[in-house]
């Protein structure tokens, strides 16, 4: 039986935080950290690709521009990494500690109740365009 290679841990991350299997945990006032999971915590960066029918030149240019905006955000002085945290409501950008084990007993994750996530992350029901986002049943 061939041996499978274990993916290397994210530099400075806890054991099990391996990029595509890194999940976010919210710990209230102490903020976000990561743990082994299904990839709900990803680097804050848009991938670039050659134009296709599903990722045309307009989307490529938008990805480049958004990456430039993200790159202008100052580095977190506490060593946290800017990450995209996936929720059922959309993507949430946060400073995540990829080097800290989960703290405390009460945590909120993507699998928590939708109302609990909204309350914990203090999510607004409006989008950046000022329109109210309709709730979706999933």
N, C-alpha and C. Protein backbone atom coordinates (compact mmCIF):
# COMPACT_ATOMS: atom_id res chain seq x y z
N UNK A 1 0.85 -1.18 0.00
CA UNK A 1 0.00 0.00 0.00
C UNK A 1 0.89 1.24 0.00
N UNK A 2 0.68 2.17 -0.97
CA UNK A 2 1.53 3.35 -1.01
C UNK A 2 1.26 4.27 0.16
N UNK A 3 2.33 4.92 0.63
CA UNK A 3 2.18 5.88 1.71
C UNK A 3 1.68 7.19 1.15
N UNK A 4 0.79 7.82 1.88
CA UNK A 4 0.31 9.14 1.47
C UNK A 4 1.13 10.19 2.18
N UNK A 5 1.44 11.23 1.47
CA UNK A 5 2.19 12.33 2.07
C UNK A 5 1.25 13.22 2.83
N UNK A 6 1.62 13.56 4.05
CA UNK A 6 0.85 14.53 4.82
C UNK A 6 1.21 15.92 4.32
N UNK A 7 0.21 16.74 4.10
CA UNK A 7 0.47 18.10 3.65
C UNK A 7 1.22 18.84 4.76
N UNK A 8 2.17 19.69 4.36
CA UNK A 8 2.89 20.45 5.40
C UNK A 8 1.97 21.47 6.04
N UNK A 9 2.19 21.72 7.31
CA UNK A 9 1.40 22.72 8.03
C UNK A 9 1.70 24.10 7.48
N UNK A 10 0.73 25.00 7.62
CA UNK A 10 0.94 26.39 7.27
C UNK A 10 2.04 26.91 8.18
N UNK A 11 3.05 27.61 7.62
CA UNK A 11 4.12 28.12 8.48
C UNK A 11 3.56 28.90 9.67
N UNK A 12 3.94 28.49 10.86
CA UNK A 12 3.48 29.16 12.07
C UNK A 12 2.11 28.72 12.52
N UNK A 13 1.47 27.83 11.77
CA UNK A 13 0.12 27.40 12.10
C UNK A 13 0.10 26.20 13.01
N UNK A 14 -1.04 25.93 13.64
CA UNK A 14 -1.13 24.76 14.51
C UNK A 14 -1.10 23.48 13.69
N UNK A 15 -0.78 22.39 14.32
CA UNK A 15 -0.81 21.09 13.65
C UNK A 15 -2.21 20.90 13.05
N UNK A 16 -2.29 20.49 11.82
CA UNK A 16 -3.59 20.30 11.17
C UNK A 16 -4.02 21.49 10.35
N UNK A 17 -3.42 22.67 10.52
CA UNK A 17 -3.76 23.84 9.71
C UNK A 17 -2.96 23.73 8.43
N UNK A 18 -3.58 23.18 7.41
CA UNK A 18 -2.84 22.85 6.20
C UNK A 18 -3.45 23.49 4.96
N UNK A 19 -3.73 24.77 5.02
CA UNK A 19 -4.24 25.47 3.84
C UNK A 19 -5.65 25.07 3.48
N UNK A 20 -5.78 24.10 2.59
CA UNK A 20 -7.12 23.72 2.13
C UNK A 20 -7.94 23.03 3.20
N UNK A 21 -7.34 22.67 4.32
CA UNK A 21 -8.11 22.07 5.40
C UNK A 21 -8.11 22.95 6.65
N UNK A 22 -7.89 24.23 6.47
CA UNK A 22 -7.87 25.17 7.59
C UNK A 22 -9.27 25.78 7.75
N UNK A 23 -9.82 25.71 8.93
CA UNK A 23 -11.13 26.29 9.24
C UNK A 23 -10.97 27.38 10.29
N UNK A 24 -11.91 28.34 10.27
CA UNK A 24 -11.86 29.43 11.25
C UNK A 24 -12.66 29.09 12.49
N UNK A 25 -12.20 29.63 13.60
CA UNK A 25 -12.89 29.56 14.89
C UNK A 25 -12.94 30.97 15.43
N UNK A 26 -14.10 31.40 15.90
CA UNK A 26 -14.22 32.72 16.51
C UNK A 26 -14.34 32.55 18.00
N UNK A 27 -13.53 33.31 18.77
CA UNK A 27 -13.46 33.17 20.23
C UNK A 27 -13.86 34.44 20.94
N UNK A 28 -14.82 35.17 20.42
CA UNK A 28 -15.24 36.40 21.08
C UNK A 28 -14.19 37.46 21.02
N UNK A 29 -13.90 38.09 22.15
CA UNK A 29 -12.96 39.21 22.18
C UNK A 29 -11.55 38.84 21.78
N UNK A 30 -11.17 37.56 21.92
CA UNK A 30 -9.81 37.16 21.52
C UNK A 30 -9.71 36.96 20.01
N UNK A 31 -10.81 37.01 19.29
CA UNK A 31 -10.79 36.99 17.83
C UNK A 31 -10.82 35.62 17.19
N UNK A 32 -10.17 35.54 16.05
CA UNK A 32 -10.18 34.33 15.23
C UNK A 32 -8.89 33.55 15.36
N UNK A 33 -9.00 32.23 15.29
CA UNK A 33 -7.86 31.35 15.11
C UNK A 33 -8.29 30.29 14.12
N UNK A 34 -7.41 29.36 13.84
CA UNK A 34 -7.78 28.33 12.88
C UNK A 34 -7.56 26.95 13.47
N UNK A 35 -8.19 25.98 12.83
CA UNK A 35 -8.10 24.60 13.25
C UNK A 35 -8.24 23.72 12.02
N UNK A 36 -8.00 22.45 12.17
CA UNK A 36 -8.17 21.52 11.06
C UNK A 36 -9.65 21.49 10.67
N UNK A 37 -9.91 21.44 9.38
CA UNK A 37 -11.30 21.43 8.92
C UNK A 37 -11.42 21.20 7.44
N UNK A 38 -12.27 21.99 6.79
CA UNK A 38 -12.59 21.73 5.38
C UNK A 38 -12.25 22.90 4.46
N UNK A 39 -11.46 23.84 4.89
CA UNK A 39 -11.03 24.92 4.01
C UNK A 39 -11.87 26.18 4.07
N UNK A 40 -12.51 26.45 5.19
CA UNK A 40 -13.35 27.65 5.32
C UNK A 40 -12.56 28.89 5.71
N UNK A 41 -11.26 28.75 5.91
CA UNK A 41 -10.38 29.88 6.21
C UNK A 41 -9.27 29.85 5.16
N UNK A 42 -9.28 30.85 4.27
CA UNK A 42 -8.35 30.84 3.15
C UNK A 42 -7.57 32.16 3.08
N UNK A 43 -6.39 32.15 2.45
CA UNK A 43 -5.62 33.39 2.32
C UNK A 43 -6.44 34.47 1.61
N UNK A 44 -6.27 35.72 2.03
CA UNK A 44 -7.00 36.84 1.43
C UNK A 44 -6.29 37.25 0.14
N UNK A 45 -6.59 36.52 -0.90
CA UNK A 45 -5.99 36.78 -2.20
C UNK A 45 -6.86 36.16 -3.29
N UNK A 46 -7.01 36.89 -4.38
CA UNK A 46 -7.75 36.37 -5.51
C UNK A 46 -6.78 35.72 -6.48
N UNK A 47 -7.12 34.54 -6.97
CA UNK A 47 -6.27 33.84 -7.91
C UNK A 47 -6.38 34.47 -9.29
N UNK A 48 -5.30 34.43 -10.04
CA UNK A 48 -5.27 34.97 -11.39
C UNK A 48 -5.21 33.81 -12.38
N UNK A 49 -5.80 34.03 -13.55
CA UNK A 49 -5.85 32.97 -14.55
C UNK A 49 -5.90 33.59 -15.95
N UNK A 50 -5.60 32.78 -16.93
CA UNK A 50 -5.76 33.22 -18.30
C UNK A 50 -7.25 33.33 -18.60
N UNK A 51 -7.65 34.27 -19.45
CA UNK A 51 -9.07 34.45 -19.77
C UNK A 51 -9.70 33.19 -20.38
N UNK A 52 -10.90 32.90 -19.92
CA UNK A 52 -11.70 31.79 -20.43
C UNK A 52 -13.14 32.27 -20.52
N UNK A 53 -14.05 31.38 -20.89
CA UNK A 53 -15.47 31.75 -20.94
C UNK A 53 -16.05 31.94 -19.55
N UNK A 54 -15.44 31.33 -18.53
CA UNK A 54 -15.97 31.45 -17.16
C UNK A 54 -15.17 32.43 -16.31
N UNK A 55 -14.02 32.87 -16.78
CA UNK A 55 -13.20 33.86 -16.08
C UNK A 55 -12.61 34.76 -17.16
N UNK A 56 -13.41 35.71 -17.61
CA UNK A 56 -13.00 36.54 -18.75
C UNK A 56 -12.07 37.67 -18.32
N UNK A 57 -11.69 38.50 -19.27
CA UNK A 57 -10.76 39.58 -19.01
C UNK A 57 -11.30 40.57 -17.97
N UNK A 58 -12.61 40.78 -17.94
CA UNK A 58 -13.22 41.68 -16.95
C UNK A 58 -13.00 41.13 -15.54
N UNK A 59 -13.23 39.84 -15.35
CA UNK A 59 -13.03 39.24 -14.02
C UNK A 59 -11.55 39.19 -13.65
N UNK A 60 -10.69 38.97 -14.63
CA UNK A 60 -9.25 38.96 -14.36
C UNK A 60 -8.79 40.33 -13.91
N UNK A 61 -9.24 41.38 -14.58
CA UNK A 61 -8.87 42.75 -14.20
C UNK A 61 -9.40 43.08 -12.81
N UNK A 62 -10.62 42.65 -12.51
CA UNK A 62 -11.19 42.88 -11.17
C UNK A 62 -10.36 42.15 -10.11
N UNK A 63 -9.92 40.94 -10.39
CA UNK A 63 -9.10 40.18 -9.45
C UNK A 63 -7.78 40.89 -9.19
N UNK A 64 -7.17 41.41 -10.24
CA UNK A 64 -5.91 42.15 -10.10
C UNK A 64 -6.11 43.39 -9.24
N UNK A 65 -7.19 44.14 -9.51
CA UNK A 65 -7.46 45.36 -8.75
C UNK A 65 -7.75 45.05 -7.28
N UNK A 66 -8.52 44.00 -7.01
CA UNK A 66 -8.83 43.65 -5.62
C UNK A 66 -7.57 43.20 -4.88
N UNK A 67 -6.68 42.47 -5.56
CA UNK A 67 -5.42 42.07 -4.94
C UNK A 67 -4.57 43.29 -4.60
N UNK A 68 -4.57 44.29 -5.47
CA UNK A 68 -3.82 45.52 -5.18
C UNK A 68 -4.36 46.21 -3.93
N UNK A 69 -5.68 46.24 -3.80
CA UNK A 69 -6.30 46.85 -2.61
C UNK A 69 -5.89 46.07 -1.36
N UNK A 70 -5.99 44.76 -1.42
CA UNK A 70 -5.64 43.91 -0.28
C UNK A 70 -4.17 44.08 0.10
N UNK A 71 -3.30 44.19 -0.90
CA UNK A 71 -1.86 44.33 -0.63
C UNK A 71 -1.53 45.65 0.05
N UNK A 72 -2.41 46.65 -0.08
CA UNK A 72 -2.17 47.95 0.58
C UNK A 72 -2.57 47.94 2.05
N UNK A 73 -3.24 46.90 2.51
CA UNK A 73 -3.63 46.81 3.91
C UNK A 73 -2.38 46.54 4.75
N UNK A 74 -2.12 47.37 5.76
CA UNK A 74 -0.92 47.16 6.58
C UNK A 74 -0.93 45.79 7.25
N UNK A 75 0.26 45.24 7.42
CA UNK A 75 0.42 43.94 8.08
C UNK A 75 -0.03 44.06 9.53
N UNK A 76 -0.67 43.04 10.05
CA UNK A 76 -1.11 43.03 11.44
C UNK A 76 0.10 42.92 12.35
N UNK A 77 0.23 43.83 13.29
CA UNK A 77 1.40 43.86 14.18
C UNK A 77 1.38 42.74 15.22
N UNK A 78 0.26 42.05 15.36
CA UNK A 78 0.17 40.93 16.31
C UNK A 78 0.45 39.59 15.64
N UNK A 79 0.89 39.61 14.38
CA UNK A 79 1.24 38.38 13.69
C UNK A 79 0.07 37.63 13.08
N UNK A 80 -1.11 38.22 13.10
CA UNK A 80 -2.27 37.55 12.51
C UNK A 80 -2.25 37.74 11.01
N UNK A 81 -2.81 36.78 10.28
CA UNK A 81 -2.84 36.81 8.82
C UNK A 81 -4.22 37.24 8.35
N UNK A 82 -4.24 38.09 7.32
CA UNK A 82 -5.50 38.48 6.71
C UNK A 82 -6.05 37.26 5.97
N UNK A 83 -7.27 36.89 6.29
CA UNK A 83 -7.87 35.69 5.71
C UNK A 83 -9.31 35.94 5.32
N UNK A 84 -9.79 35.15 4.36
CA UNK A 84 -11.20 35.13 4.00
C UNK A 84 -11.83 33.97 4.75
N UNK A 85 -12.83 34.27 5.56
CA UNK A 85 -13.55 33.26 6.33
C UNK A 85 -14.90 33.04 5.65
N UNK A 86 -15.13 31.84 5.19
CA UNK A 86 -16.35 31.51 4.45
C UNK A 86 -17.49 31.27 5.42
N UNK A 87 -18.65 31.91 5.14
CA UNK A 87 -19.88 31.66 5.89
C UNK A 87 -20.98 31.38 4.89
N UNK A 88 -22.12 30.93 5.35
CA UNK A 88 -23.25 30.70 4.46
C UNK A 88 -23.80 32.01 3.89
N UNK A 89 -23.48 33.13 4.54
CA UNK A 89 -23.94 34.44 4.09
C UNK A 89 -22.98 35.07 3.09
N UNK A 90 -21.76 34.57 3.02
CA UNK A 90 -20.75 35.12 2.13
C UNK A 90 -19.37 35.03 2.74
N UNK A 91 -18.46 35.82 2.20
CA UNK A 91 -17.06 35.82 2.64
C UNK A 91 -16.85 36.96 3.64
N UNK A 92 -16.18 36.65 4.75
CA UNK A 92 -15.88 37.62 5.79
C UNK A 92 -14.36 37.75 5.90
N UNK A 93 -13.84 38.96 5.79
CA UNK A 93 -12.40 39.18 5.89
C UNK A 93 -12.06 39.47 7.35
N UNK A 94 -11.03 38.77 7.86
CA UNK A 94 -10.67 38.93 9.27
C UNK A 94 -9.19 38.67 9.46
N UNK A 95 -8.66 39.19 10.57
CA UNK A 95 -7.31 38.86 11.00
C UNK A 95 -7.41 37.55 11.77
N UNK A 96 -6.68 36.53 11.31
CA UNK A 96 -6.76 35.19 11.91
C UNK A 96 -5.40 34.78 12.43
N UNK A 97 -5.39 34.25 13.65
CA UNK A 97 -4.17 33.75 14.27
C UNK A 97 -3.98 32.30 13.83
N UNK A 98 -3.04 32.09 12.91
CA UNK A 98 -2.78 30.74 12.41
C UNK A 98 -1.73 30.02 13.25
N UNK A 99 -1.35 30.62 14.36
CA UNK A 99 -0.37 30.00 15.21
C UNK A 99 -0.88 29.70 16.60
N UNK A 100 -2.17 29.92 16.82
CA UNK A 100 -2.71 29.75 18.17
C UNK A 100 -3.71 28.60 18.19
N UNK A 101 -3.66 27.78 19.21
CA UNK A 101 -4.67 26.74 19.35
C UNK A 101 -5.99 27.38 19.77
N UNK A 102 -7.11 26.71 19.53
CA UNK A 102 -8.40 27.25 19.98
C UNK A 102 -8.37 27.57 21.46
N UNK A 103 -8.93 28.73 21.82
CA UNK A 103 -8.95 29.17 23.22
C UNK A 103 -10.38 29.20 23.72
N UNK A 104 -10.54 28.90 24.98
CA UNK A 104 -11.85 29.00 25.60
C UNK A 104 -12.76 27.85 25.23
N UNK A 105 -13.91 27.85 25.82
CA UNK A 105 -14.85 26.76 25.58
C UNK A 105 -15.94 27.15 24.59
N UNK A 106 -16.26 28.41 24.50
CA UNK A 106 -17.33 28.88 23.62
C UNK A 106 -16.73 29.40 22.32
N UNK A 107 -16.95 28.68 21.23
CA UNK A 107 -16.46 29.13 19.94
C UNK A 107 -17.61 29.13 18.94
N UNK A 108 -17.46 29.93 17.90
CA UNK A 108 -18.40 29.97 16.80
C UNK A 108 -17.63 29.56 15.56
N UNK A 109 -18.22 28.69 14.75
CA UNK A 109 -17.60 28.23 13.51
C UNK A 109 -18.61 28.35 12.37
N UNK A 110 -18.18 28.00 11.17
CA UNK A 110 -19.10 28.03 10.03
C UNK A 110 -20.30 27.11 10.27
N UNK A 111 -20.12 26.06 11.02
CA UNK A 111 -21.21 25.11 11.27
C UNK A 111 -22.13 25.52 12.40
N UNK A 112 -21.84 26.67 13.03
CA UNK A 112 -22.74 27.18 14.07
C UNK A 112 -24.03 27.66 13.44
N UNK A 113 -25.04 27.86 14.27
CA UNK A 113 -26.33 28.37 13.83
C UNK A 113 -26.13 29.74 13.15
N UNK A 114 -26.86 29.98 12.07
CA UNK A 114 -26.75 31.22 11.29
C UNK A 114 -26.92 32.47 12.16
N UNK A 115 -27.90 32.46 13.06
CA UNK A 115 -28.13 33.61 13.94
C UNK A 115 -26.96 33.81 14.89
N UNK A 116 -26.38 32.72 15.38
CA UNK A 116 -25.24 32.80 16.28
C UNK A 116 -24.03 33.40 15.56
N UNK A 117 -23.81 33.00 14.30
CA UNK A 117 -22.70 33.55 13.51
C UNK A 117 -22.91 35.04 13.29
N UNK A 118 -24.11 35.44 12.87
CA UNK A 118 -24.39 36.85 12.61
C UNK A 118 -24.17 37.70 13.86
N UNK A 119 -24.61 37.19 14.99
CA UNK A 119 -24.46 37.93 16.25
C UNK A 119 -22.99 38.01 16.66
N UNK A 120 -22.29 36.88 16.61
CA UNK A 120 -20.89 36.84 17.06
C UNK A 120 -19.99 37.72 16.19
N UNK A 121 -20.19 37.68 14.87
CA UNK A 121 -19.34 38.44 13.96
C UNK A 121 -19.84 39.87 13.75
N UNK A 122 -20.99 40.17 14.35
CA UNK A 122 -21.61 41.49 14.23
C UNK A 122 -21.87 41.85 12.76
N UNK A 123 -22.38 40.85 12.01
CA UNK A 123 -22.66 41.06 10.60
C UNK A 123 -23.84 41.98 10.39
N UNK A 124 -23.72 42.85 9.42
CA UNK A 124 -24.82 43.74 9.05
C UNK A 124 -25.62 43.06 7.95
N UNK A 125 -26.88 43.44 7.81
CA UNK A 125 -27.73 42.84 6.79
C UNK A 125 -27.67 43.59 5.47
N UNK A 126 -26.85 44.65 5.43
CA UNK A 126 -26.74 45.42 4.20
C UNK A 126 -25.42 45.10 3.49
N UNK A 127 -25.42 45.26 2.19
CA UNK A 127 -24.20 45.05 1.42
C UNK A 127 -23.46 46.37 1.30
N UNK A 128 -22.32 46.35 0.66
CA UNK A 128 -21.54 47.58 0.52
C UNK A 128 -22.25 48.62 -0.35
N UNK A 129 -23.23 48.20 -1.12
CA UNK A 129 -24.00 49.14 -1.94
C UNK A 129 -25.18 49.73 -1.16
N UNK A 130 -25.31 49.34 0.11
CA UNK A 130 -26.37 49.89 0.95
C UNK A 130 -27.70 49.17 0.79
N UNK A 131 -27.75 48.08 0.05
CA UNK A 131 -28.99 47.34 -0.09
C UNK A 131 -29.03 46.24 0.95
N UNK A 132 -30.23 45.85 1.33
CA UNK A 132 -30.40 44.79 2.30
C UNK A 132 -30.29 43.45 1.60
N UNK A 133 -29.49 42.57 2.17
CA UNK A 133 -29.32 41.24 1.62
C UNK A 133 -30.45 40.35 2.11
N UNK A 134 -31.14 39.72 1.18
CA UNK A 134 -32.24 38.84 1.55
C UNK A 134 -31.69 37.57 2.18
N UNK A 135 -32.35 37.10 3.23
CA UNK A 135 -31.94 35.84 3.86
C UNK A 135 -32.28 34.69 2.94
N UNK A 136 -31.37 33.71 2.91
CA UNK A 136 -31.57 32.54 2.08
C UNK A 136 -31.62 31.32 2.97
N UNK A 137 -32.51 30.41 2.68
CA UNK A 137 -32.59 29.12 3.38
C UNK A 137 -31.62 28.19 2.67
N UNK A 138 -30.78 27.52 3.43
CA UNK A 138 -29.80 26.60 2.83
C UNK A 138 -30.05 25.21 3.32
